[in-house]
Amino acid sequence: MKIGKTLLIQNYFPNIPQKPSLLKRTFDGLEREKTIDMLFLGSSHCYRAFDPKVFEDCGYNIFNLGSSSQTPINSYFLLQKSIHKTNAVVLEVYPVTICNSGNESYLEMVGAINCYTDLLQQAFSSQSFFDFQLLSLKPFIDNKIKNGKADYCIFRKGYAVVPDSAINRKVIYDTLTLDTTLMKFQLKFINKIVALCKEKNKKLIFTYAPLPSKLYLKNEAILMHYLKNIINKNSIPFIDMSHKHHLNDGYNFYDDDHMNASGVVLYNKAFIDEMKNRNLVK
């Protein structure tokens, strides 16, 4: 029996994009921006956690360059291409993402970035054969998503709005164990982000977005130890609201670790107030 090329690829790479991703829309939006006050980077805890409209109402022009499962290595290469547009960089440091390989994010980037050189550099840095395999499939991926229809969602400057609440769904809260080997690899790229911001004279802020009280991250203390060493060594402001918030697990989150629209508004206002209190912005 002869197996078609498309079926063969999908059997080995079942997560190949079938339609344009939100990251593609994000890049298109960033291209239209001339200068912004703050550029936000990170995983879904970034692109689902910072609403440019809330910041705009407070007088700040921001752009959200977060993407699904974006790890520090992914953030670093995205920042290299966009740092000239911003005065400040905000990196969301969700531990689960920092202890991830970055393959999922790279897969999305292969379908959203046109420059082979940029993708190749990232593949070399990741030291992952999987990334090189994905890059070799880029012509197929581009053709696959060319005629696909993107999912509809309320979307502004990289931020995707989720109005649903966990109270309306059967949410299970697992214990997540962080991979300390991947953690140390990704921490190297956090240091590269720090060095790049220093080189370009850009203010850098770390933040850790709110989590539901029922979620438990095993080995989180190990990561925070390493992260705080970087923070203290480089005098980086850190706005940590992961476990210090008054959000409701049922009404202000939509699943086991992401805020919904109501939670985002509360968090963003508290985040802006904290920046003002610490004189990080005018």
C-alpha atoms as a PDB file:
ATOM      1  CA  MET A   1       0.000   0.000   0.000  1.00  0.00           C
ATOM      2  CA  LYS A   2       1.420   3.363  -1.047  1.00  0.00           C
ATOM      3  CA  ILE A   3       1.305   6.033   1.659  1.00  0.00           C
ATOM      4  CA  GLY A   4       0.972   9.604   0.497  1.00  0.00           C
ATOM      5  CA  LYS A   5       3.609  12.144   1.519  1.00  0.00           C
ATOM      6  CA  THR A   6       1.098  14.249   3.434  1.00  0.00           C
ATOM      7  CA  LEU A   7      -0.139  11.268   5.459  1.00  0.00           C
ATOM      8  CA  LEU A   8       3.418  10.101   6.168  1.00  0.00           C
ATOM      9  CA  ILE A   9       4.474  13.507   7.484  1.00  0.00           C
ATOM     10  CA  GLN A  10       1.365  13.862   9.625  1.00  0.00           C
ATOM     11  CA  ASN A  11       1.962  10.414  11.146  1.00  0.00           C
ATOM     12  CA  TYR A  12       5.418  11.460  12.324  1.00  0.00           C
ATOM     13  CA  PHE A  13       4.556  15.099  13.045  1.00  0.00           C
ATOM     14  CA  PRO A  14       0.900  15.089  14.161  1.00  0.00           C
ATOM     15  CA  ASN A  15       1.096  18.695  15.403  1.00  0.00           C
ATOM     16  CA  ILE A  16       2.008  20.192  12.021  1.00  0.00           C
ATOM     17  CA  PRO A  17      -0.016  23.443  11.696  1.00  0.00           C
ATOM     18  CA  GLN A  18      -3.100  23.130   9.529  1.00  0.00           C
ATOM     19  CA  LYS A  19      -3.947  26.856   9.501  1.00  0.00           C
ATOM     20  CA  PRO A  20      -2.342  30.255  10.209  1.00  0.00           C
ATOM     21  CA  SER A  21      -1.387  30.643  13.877  1.00  0.00           C
ATOM     22  CA  LEU A  22      -1.935  33.595  16.176  1.00  0.00           C
ATOM     23  CA  LEU A  23       1.823  34.177  16.034  1.00  0.00           C
ATOM     24  CA  LYS A  24       1.556  35.000  12.336  1.00  0.00           C
ATOM     25  CA  ARG A  25      -1.083  37.629  13.124  1.00  0.00           C
ATOM     26  CA  THR A  26       1.176  38.894  15.924  1.00  0.00           C
ATOM     27  CA  PHE A  27       4.150  39.370  13.569  1.00  0.00           C
ATOM     28  CA  ASP A  28       1.955  41.195  11.069  1.00  0.00           C
ATOM     29  CA  GLY A  29       0.762  43.535  13.811  1.00  0.00           C
ATOM     30  CA  LEU A  30       4.252  44.190  15.176  1.00  0.00           C
ATOM     31  CA  GLU A  31       5.452  45.036  11.671  1.00  0.00           C
ATOM     32  CA  ARG A  32       2.995  47.959  11.629  1.00  0.00           C
ATOM     33  CA  GLU A  33       4.261  49.350  14.944  1.00  0.00           C
ATOM     34  CA  LYS A  34       6.961  52.023  14.785  1.00  0.00           C
ATOM     35  CA  THR A  35       7.871  52.431  18.461  1.00  0.00           C
ATOM     36  CA  ILE A  36       6.309  51.031  21.612  1.00  0.00           C
ATOM     37  CA  ASP A  37       6.797  51.684  25.311  1.00  0.00           C
ATOM     38  CA  MET A  38       7.019  48.035  26.360  1.00  0.00           C
ATOM     39  CA  LEU A  39       7.435  44.739  24.524  1.00  0.00           C
ATOM     40  CA  PHE A  40       6.161  41.638  26.341  1.00  0.00           C
ATOM     41  CA  LEU A  41       7.679  38.199  25.742  1.00  0.00           C
ATOM     42  CA  GLY A  42       6.838  34.728  27.006  1.00  0.00           C
ATOM     43  CA  SER A  43       4.502  31.787  26.607  1.00  0.00           C
ATOM     44  CA  SER A  44       0.701  31.623  26.731  1.00  0.00           C
ATOM     45  CA  HIS A  45       1.110  33.128  30.203  1.00  0.00           C
ATOM     46  CA  CYS A  46       2.189  36.212  28.314  1.00  0.00           C
ATOM     47  CA  TYR A  47      -0.050  36.431  25.251  1.00  0.00           C
ATOM     48  CA  ARG A  48      -3.106  35.568  27.350  1.00  0.00           C
ATOM     49  CA  ALA A  49      -2.109  37.758  30.307  1.00  0.00           C
ATOM     50  CA  PHE A  50      -1.300  41.282  29.096  1.00  0.00           C
ATOM     51  CA  ASP A  51      -4.030  43.300  27.420  1.00  0.00           C
ATOM     52  CA  PRO A  52      -2.721  46.320  25.450  1.00  0.00           C
ATOM     53  CA  LYS A  53      -6.083  48.060  25.932  1.00  0.00           C
ATOM     54  CA  VAL A  54      -5.696  48.119  29.726  1.00  0.00           C
ATOM     55  CA  PHE A  55      -2.225  49.626  29.338  1.00  0.00           C
ATOM     56  CA  GLU A  56      -3.450  52.069  26.695  1.00  0.00           C
ATOM     57  CA  ASP A  57      -6.146  53.317  29.084  1.00  0.00           C
ATOM     58  CA  CYS A  58      -3.314  54.091  31.521  1.00  0.00           C
ATOM     59  CA  GLY A  59      -1.243  55.907  28.875  1.00  0.00           C
ATOM     60  CA  TYR A  60       1.150  53.155  27.746  1.00  0.00           C
ATOM     61  CA  ASN A  61       1.611  51.724  24.254  1.00  0.00           C
ATOM     62  CA  ILE A  62       2.604  48.066  24.581  1.00  0.00           C
ATOM     63  CA  PHE A  63       2.819  45.069  22.274  1.00  0.00           C
ATOM     64  CA  ASN A  64       2.462  41.426  23.266  1.00  0.00           C
ATOM     65  CA  LEU A  65       4.941  39.153  21.475  1.00  0.00           C
ATOM     66  CA  GLY A  66       4.072  36.083  23.513  1.00  0.00           C
ATOM     67  CA  SER A  67       3.327  32.760  21.812  1.00  0.00           C
ATOM     68  CA  SER A  68       2.361  29.210  22.707  1.00  0.00           C
ATOM     69  CA  SER A  69       5.009  27.462  24.882  1.00  0.00           C
ATOM     70  CA  GLN A  70       7.579  30.169  24.086  1.00  0.00           C
ATOM     71  CA  THR A  71      10.734  29.392  26.062  1.00  0.00           C
ATOM     72  CA  PRO A  72      13.684  31.735  26.756  1.00  0.00           C
ATOM     73  CA  ILE A  73      15.569  30.446  23.691  1.00  0.00           C
ATOM     74  CA  ASN A  74      12.570  31.334  21.512  1.00  0.00           C
ATOM     75  CA  SER A  75      12.138  34.695  23.276  1.00  0.00           C
ATOM     76  CA  TYR A  76      15.794  35.549  22.751  1.00  0.00           C
ATOM     77  CA  PHE A  77      15.641  35.119  18.972  1.00  0.00           C
ATOM     78  CA  LEU A  78      12.354  37.018  18.739  1.00  0.00           C
ATOM     79  CA  LEU A  79      13.809  39.837  20.822  1.00  0.00           C
ATOM     80  CA  GLN A  80      16.862  40.127  18.594  1.00  0.00           C
ATOM     81  CA  LYS A  81      14.602  41.070  15.684  1.00  0.00           C
ATOM     82  CA  SER A  82      12.282  43.418  17.576  1.00  0.00           C
ATOM     83  CA  ILE A  83      14.242  45.085  20.376  1.00  0.00           C
ATOM     84  CA  HIS A  84      14.821  48.219  18.275  1.00  0.00           C
ATOM     85  CA  LYS A  85      11.092  48.988  18.409  1.00  0.00           C
ATOM     86  CA  THR A  86      10.773  49.259  22.185  1.00  0.00           C
ATOM     87  CA  ASN A  87      12.021  51.238  25.169  1.00  0.00           C
ATOM     88  CA  ALA A  88      11.524  48.394  27.664  1.00  0.00           C
ATOM     89  CA  VAL A  89      11.232  44.604  27.645  1.00  0.00           C
ATOM     90  CA  VAL A  90       9.014  42.573  29.984  1.00  0.00           C
ATOM     91  CA  LEU A  91       9.787  38.850  30.214  1.00  0.00           C
ATOM     92  CA  GLU A  92       7.113  36.585  31.742  1.00  0.00           C
ATOM     93  CA  VAL A  93       8.913  33.765  33.559  1.00  0.00           C
ATOM     94  CA  TYR A  94       6.394  30.934  33.906  1.00  0.00           C
ATOM     95  CA  PRO A  95       8.456  28.032  35.372  1.00  0.00           C
ATOM     96  CA  VAL A  96       6.817  25.270  33.310  1.00  0.00           C
ATOM     97  CA  THR A  97       7.852  27.019  30.101  1.00  0.00           C
ATOM     98  CA  ILE A  98      11.378  27.725  31.313  1.00  0.00           C
ATOM     99  CA  CYS A  99      11.732  23.977  31.900  1.00  0.00           C
ATOM    100  CA  ASN A 100      10.578  23.128  28.378  1.00  0.00           C
ATOM    101  CA  SER A 101      12.517  22.225  25.229  1.00  0.00           C
ATOM    102  CA  GLY A 102      11.082  25.007  23.050  1.00  0.00           C
ATOM    103  CA  ASN A 103      10.170  22.551  20.247  1.00  0.00           C
ATOM    104  CA  GLU A 104       6.460  23.391  20.353  1.00  0.00           C
ATOM    105  CA  SER A 105       7.159  27.101  20.036  1.00  0.00           C
ATOM    106  CA  TYR A 106       9.668  26.476  17.240  1.00  0.00           C
ATOM    107  CA  LEU A 107       7.020  24.509  15.346  1.00  0.00           C
ATOM    108  CA  GLU A 108       4.729  27.534  15.442  1.00  0.00           C
ATOM    109  CA  MET A 109       7.571  29.831  14.390  1.00  0.00           C
ATOM    110  CA  VAL A 110       8.372  27.664  11.349  1.00  0.00           C
ATOM    111  CA  GLY A 111       4.853  28.355  10.100  1.00  0.00           C
ATOM    112  CA  ALA A 112       4.943  32.065  10.972  1.00  0.00           C
ATOM    113  CA  ILE A 113       8.480  33.256  10.126  1.00  0.00           C
ATOM    114  CA  ASN A 114       9.594  33.572   6.517  1.00  0.00           C
ATOM    115  CA  CYS A 115      13.333  34.003   7.097  1.00  0.00           C
ATOM    116  CA  TYR A 116      15.158  30.661   6.882  1.00  0.00           C
ATOM    117  CA  THR A 117      18.358  32.187   8.304  1.00  0.00           C
ATOM    118  CA  ASP A 118      16.632  33.209  11.548  1.00  0.00           C
ATOM    119  CA  LEU A 119      15.061  29.789  11.935  1.00  0.00           C
ATOM    120  CA  LEU A 120      18.335  28.026  11.174  1.00  0.00           C
ATOM    121  CA  GLN A 121      20.217  30.038  13.808  1.00  0.00           C
ATOM    122  CA  GLN A 122      17.642  29.101  16.407  1.00  0.00           C
ATOM    123  CA  ALA A 123      17.796  25.424  15.416  1.00  0.00           C
ATOM    124  CA  PHE A 124      21.584  25.416  15.861  1.00  0.00           C
ATOM    125  CA  SER A 125      21.243  27.048  19.287  1.00  0.00           C
ATOM    126  CA  SER A 126      18.570  24.606  20.446  1.00  0.00           C
ATOM    127  CA  GLN A 127      20.861  21.650  19.645  1.00  0.00           C
ATOM    128  CA  SER A 128      17.681  19.767  18.740  1.00  0.00           C
ATOM    129  CA  PHE A 129      17.512  17.440  15.736  1.00  0.00           C
ATOM    130  CA  PHE A 130      13.729  17.814  15.921  1.00  0.00           C
ATOM    131  CA  ASP A 131      14.051  21.521  15.038  1.00  0.00           C
ATOM    132  CA  PHE A 132      16.141  20.742  11.959  1.00  0.00           C
ATOM    133  CA  GLN A 133      13.541  18.183  10.879  1.00  0.00           C
ATOM    134  CA  LEU A 134      10.809  20.797  11.253  1.00  0.00           C
ATOM    135  CA  LEU A 135      12.786  23.346   9.273  1.00  0.00           C
ATOM    136  CA  SER A 136      13.209  20.855   6.427  1.00  0.00           C
ATOM    137  CA  LEU A 137       9.407  20.607   6.308  1.00  0.00           C
ATOM    138  CA  LYS A 138       8.861  24.361   6.085  1.00  0.00           C
ATOM    139  CA  PRO A 139       7.816  24.354   2.374  1.00  0.00           C
ATOM    140  CA  PHE A 140       5.206  21.696   3.182  1.00  0.00           C
ATOM    141  CA  ILE A 141       4.023  23.601   6.282  1.00  0.00           C
ATOM    142  CA  ASP A 142       3.777  26.886   4.372  1.00  0.00           C
ATOM    143  CA  ASN A 143       1.709  25.225   1.674  1.00  0.00           C
ATOM    144  CA  LYS A 144      -0.465  23.492   4.264  1.00  0.00           C
ATOM    145  CA  ILE A 145      -1.446  26.665   6.118  1.00  0.00           C
ATOM    146  CA  LYS A 146      -1.618  28.913   3.029  1.00  0.00           C
ATOM    147  CA  ASN A 147      -5.272  28.165   2.386  1.00  0.00           C
ATOM    148  CA  GLY A 148      -6.201  27.419   5.979  1.00  0.00           C
ATOM    149  CA  LYS A 149      -8.633  29.595   7.872  1.00  0.00           C
ATOM    150  CA  ALA A 150      -7.369  30.966  11.174  1.00  0.00           C
ATOM    151  CA  ASP A 151      -9.423  30.475  14.330  1.00  0.00           C
ATOM    152  CA  TYR A 152     -11.476  33.492  15.297  1.00  0.00           C
ATOM    153  CA  CYS A 153     -10.791  35.145  18.621  1.00  0.00           C
ATOM    154  CA  ILE A 154     -10.798  38.667  19.995  1.00  0.00           C
ATOM    155  CA  PHE A 155      -7.209  39.657  19.351  1.00  0.00           C
ATOM    156  CA  ARG A 156      -5.347  42.931  19.837  1.00  0.00           C
ATOM    157  CA  LYS A 157      -1.629  43.604  19.545  1.00  0.00           C
ATOM    158  CA  GLY A 158      -0.695  39.998  20.280  1.00  0.00           C
ATOM    159  CA  TYR A 159      -3.156  39.498  23.141  1.00  0.00           C
ATOM    160  CA  ALA A 160      -5.833  36.791  22.824  1.00  0.00           C
ATOM    161  CA  VAL A 161      -8.972  37.327  24.896  1.00  0.00           C
ATOM    162  CA  VAL A 162     -10.591  34.392  26.706  1.00  0.00           C
ATOM    163  CA  PRO A 163     -13.940  35.291  28.321  1.00  0.00           C
ATOM    164  CA  ASP A 164     -14.795  31.801  29.653  1.00  0.00           C
ATOM    165  CA  SER A 165     -14.382  30.895  33.342  1.00  0.00           C
ATOM    166  CA  ALA A 166     -13.142  27.746  35.064  1.00  0.00           C
ATOM    167  CA  ILE A 167     -16.309  27.729  37.171  1.00  0.00           C
ATOM    168  CA  ASN A 168     -18.183  26.700  34.017  1.00  0.00           C
ATOM    169  CA  ARG A 169     -15.833  23.813  33.196  1.00  0.00           C
ATOM    170  CA  LYS A 170     -14.539  20.663  34.861  1.00  0.00           C
ATOM    171  CA  VAL A 171     -10.976  21.772  35.567  1.00  0.00           C
ATOM    172  CA  ILE A 172      -8.431  19.305  36.956  1.00  0.00           C
ATOM    173  CA  TYR A 173      -5.435  20.703  38.817  1.00  0.00           C
ATOM    174  CA  ASP A 174      -2.358  18.520  38.409  1.00  0.00           C
ATOM    175  CA  THR A 175       1.013  18.552  40.130  1.00  0.00           C
ATOM    176  CA  LEU A 176       3.574  19.563  37.505  1.00  0.00           C
ATOM    177  CA  THR A 177       7.208  18.484  37.898  1.00  0.00           C
ATOM    178  CA  LEU A 178       9.802  20.828  36.418  1.00  0.00           C
ATOM    179  CA  ASP A 179      12.680  19.352  34.390  1.00  0.00           C
ATOM    180  CA  THR A 180      15.865  20.687  36.022  1.00  0.00           C
ATOM    181  CA  THR A 181      18.085  19.735  33.056  1.00  0.00           C
ATOM    182  CA  LEU A 182      16.055  21.771  30.583  1.00  0.00           C
ATOM    183  CA  MET A 183      15.796  24.463  33.247  1.00  0.00           C
ATOM    184  CA  LYS A 184      19.561  25.031  33.257  1.00  0.00           C
ATOM    185  CA  PHE A 185      19.690  25.075  29.453  1.00  0.00           C
ATOM    186  CA  GLN A 186      16.937  27.700  29.214  1.00  0.00           C
ATOM    187  CA  LEU A 187      18.456  29.816  31.992  1.00  0.00           C
ATOM    188  CA  LYS A 188      21.459  30.364  29.707  1.00  0.00           C
ATOM    189  CA  PHE A 189      19.152  32.154  27.281  1.00  0.00           C
ATOM    190  CA  ILE A 190      17.625  34.245  30.037  1.00  0.00           C
ATOM    191  CA  ASN A 191      21.174  35.440  30.657  1.00  0.00           C
ATOM    192  CA  LYS A 192      21.483  36.162  26.919  1.00  0.00           C
ATOM    193  CA  ILE A 193      18.286  38.240  27.070  1.00  0.00           C
ATOM    194  CA  VAL A 194      19.740  40.175  30.003  1.00  0.00           C
ATOM    195  CA  ALA A 195      22.979  40.800  28.080  1.00  0.00           C
ATOM    196  CA  LEU A 196      21.110  41.877  24.929  1.00  0.00           C
ATOM    197  CA  CYS A 197      19.006  44.408  26.846  1.00  0.00           C
ATOM    198  CA  LYS A 198      22.128  45.807  28.482  1.00  0.00           C
ATOM    199  CA  GLU A 199      23.884  46.045  25.118  1.00  0.00           C
ATOM    200  CA  LYS A 200      20.936  47.898  23.561  1.00  0.00           C
ATOM    201  CA  ASN A 201      20.344  50.003  26.695  1.00  0.00           C
ATOM    202  CA  LYS A 202      16.762  48.759  27.181  1.00  0.00           C
ATOM    203  CA  LYS A 203      15.048  48.468  30.535  1.00  0.00           C
ATOM    204  CA  LEU A 204      14.291  44.822  31.418  1.00  0.00           C
ATOM    205  CA  ILE A 205      11.583  43.672  33.821  1.00  0.00           C
ATOM    206  CA  PHE A 206      10.772  40.114  34.891  1.00  0.00           C
ATOM    207  CA  THR A 207       7.250  39.150  35.874  1.00  0.00           C
ATOM    208  CA  TYR A 208       5.514  35.990  37.021  1.00  0.00           C
ATOM    209  CA  ALA A 209       1.788  36.081  36.270  1.00  0.00           C
ATOM    210  CA  PRO A 210      -0.876  34.838  38.748  1.00  0.00           C
ATOM    211  CA  LEU A 211      -1.586  31.118  39.060  1.00  0.00           C
ATOM    212  CA  PRO A 212      -4.612  29.360  40.552  1.00  0.00           C
ATOM    213  CA  SER A 213      -4.130  28.502  44.218  1.00  0.00           C
ATOM    214  CA  LYS A 214      -4.808  24.806  43.505  1.00  0.00           C
ATOM    215  CA  LEU A 215      -1.931  24.403  41.018  1.00  0.00           C
ATOM    216  CA  TYR A 216       1.306  22.980  42.425  1.00  0.00           C
ATOM    217  CA  LEU A 217       4.678  23.130  40.666  1.00  0.00           C
ATOM    218  CA  LYS A 218       7.227  20.663  41.988  1.00  0.00           C
ATOM    219  CA  ASN A 219      10.838  21.961  41.884  1.00  0.00           C
ATOM    220  CA  GLU A 220       9.596  25.546  41.558  1.00  0.00           C
ATOM    221  CA  ALA A 221      11.843  26.584  44.459  1.00  0.00           C
ATOM    222  CA  ILE A 222      14.913  25.318  42.564  1.00  0.00           C
ATOM    223  CA  LEU A 223      14.101  27.470  39.542  1.00  0.00           C
ATOM    224  CA  MET A 224      13.331  30.531  41.655  1.00  0.00           C
ATOM    225  CA  HIS A 225      16.715  30.149  43.360  1.00  0.00           C
ATOM    226  CA  TYR A 226      18.556  30.293  40.017  1.00  0.00           C
ATOM    227  CA  LEU A 227      16.296  33.014  38.684  1.00  0.00           C
ATOM    228  CA  LYS A 228      16.767  35.248  41.702  1.00  0.00           C
ATOM    229  CA  ASN A 229      20.538  34.894  41.380  1.00  0.00           C
ATOM    230  CA  ILE A 230      20.221  36.384  37.873  1.00  0.00           C
ATOM    231  CA  ILE A 231      17.846  39.058  39.161  1.00  0.00           C
ATOM    232  CA  ASN A 232      20.091  40.091  42.058  1.00  0.00           C
ATOM    233  CA  LYS A 233      23.306  39.984  40.027  1.00  0.00           C
ATOM    234  CA  ASN A 234      21.863  42.276  37.347  1.00  0.00           C
ATOM    235  CA  SER A 235      19.508  44.396  39.507  1.00  0.00           C
ATOM    236  CA  ILE A 236      16.474  43.393  37.429  1.00  0.00           C
ATOM    237  CA  PRO A 237      13.044  44.470  38.726  1.00  0.00           C
ATOM    238  CA  PHE A 238      10.874  41.412  39.374  1.00  0.00           C
ATOM    239  CA  ILE A 239       7.094  41.734  39.706  1.00  0.00           C
ATOM    240  CA  ASP A 240       6.020  38.379  41.124  1.00  0.00           C
ATOM    241  CA  MET A 241       2.266  37.960  41.523  1.00  0.00           C
ATOM    242  CA  SER A 242       2.210  34.198  40.953  1.00  0.00           C
ATOM    243  CA  HIS A 243       0.970  33.342  44.425  1.00  0.00           C
ATOM    244  CA  LYS A 244       0.384  36.836  45.788  1.00  0.00           C
ATOM    245  CA  HIS A 245      -2.963  37.880  44.377  1.00  0.00           C
ATOM    246  CA  HIS A 246      -6.656  37.942  45.187  1.00  0.00           C
ATOM    247  CA  LEU A 247      -7.925  36.305  42.004  1.00  0.00           C
ATOM    248  CA  ASN A 248     -10.551  33.582  42.258  1.00  0.00           C
ATOM    249  CA  ASP A 249      -9.690  30.156  40.805  1.00  0.00           C
ATOM    250  CA  GLY A 250     -13.189  29.729  39.385  1.00  0.00           C
ATOM    251  CA  TYR A 251     -14.104  33.204  38.193  1.00  0.00           C
ATOM    252  CA  ASN A 252     -10.768  34.790  37.189  1.00  0.00           C
ATOM    253  CA  PHE A 253      -9.155  31.788  35.448  1.00  0.00           C
ATOM    254  CA  TYR A 254     -10.441  29.742  32.530  1.00  0.00           C
ATOM    255  CA  ASP A 255      -8.383  26.556  33.082  1.00  0.00           C
ATOM    256  CA  ASP A 256      -5.812  25.138  35.497  1.00  0.00           C
ATOM    257  CA  ASP A 257      -3.200  27.857  34.942  1.00  0.00           C
ATOM    258  CA  HIS A 258      -4.406  30.671  32.616  1.00  0.00           C
ATOM    259  CA  MET A 259      -6.364  33.785  33.554  1.00  0.00           C
ATOM    260  CA  ASN A 260      -9.518  34.762  31.719  1.00  0.00           C
ATOM    261  CA  ALA A 261     -10.390  38.304  30.607  1.00  0.00           C
ATOM    262  CA  SER A 262     -11.619  39.397  34.045  1.00  0.00           C
ATOM    263  CA  GLY A 263      -8.474  38.125  35.743  1.00  0.00           C
ATOM    264  CA  VAL A 264      -6.259  39.810  33.148  1.00  0.00           C
ATOM    265  CA  VAL A 265      -7.809  43.222  33.800  1.00  0.00           C
ATOM    266  CA  LEU A 266      -7.272  42.884  37.560  1.00  0.00           C
ATOM    267  CA  TYR A 267      -3.718  41.631  37.114  1.00  0.00           C
ATOM    268  CA  ASN A 268      -2.751  44.283  34.554  1.00  0.00           C
ATOM    269  CA  LYS A 269      -4.008  47.128  36.753  1.00  0.00           C
ATOM    270  CA  ALA A 270      -2.071  45.725  39.713  1.00  0.00           C
ATOM    271  CA  PHE A 271       1.001  45.263  37.489  1.00  0.00           C
ATOM    272  CA  ILE A 272       0.850  48.895  36.292  1.00  0.00           C
ATOM    273  CA  ASP A 273       0.388  50.141  39.860  1.00  0.00           C
ATOM    274  CA  GLU A 274       3.399  48.114  40.967  1.00  0.00           C
ATOM    275  CA  MET A 275       5.536  49.569  38.165  1.00  0.00           C
ATOM    276  CA  LYS A 276       4.513  53.068  39.198  1.00  0.00           C
ATOM    277  CA  ASN A 277       5.148  52.402  42.904  1.00  0.00           C
ATOM    278  CA  ARG A 278       8.646  51.182  42.073  1.00  0.00           C
ATOM    279  CA  ASN A 279       9.311  54.071  39.661  1.00  0.00           C
ATOM    280  CA  LEU A 280       9.791  51.708  36.726  1.00  0.00           C
ATOM    281  CA  VAL A 281       7.624  53.920  34.506  1.00  0.00           C
ATOM    282  CA  LYS A 282       6.634  57.550  34.544  1.00  0.00           C
END
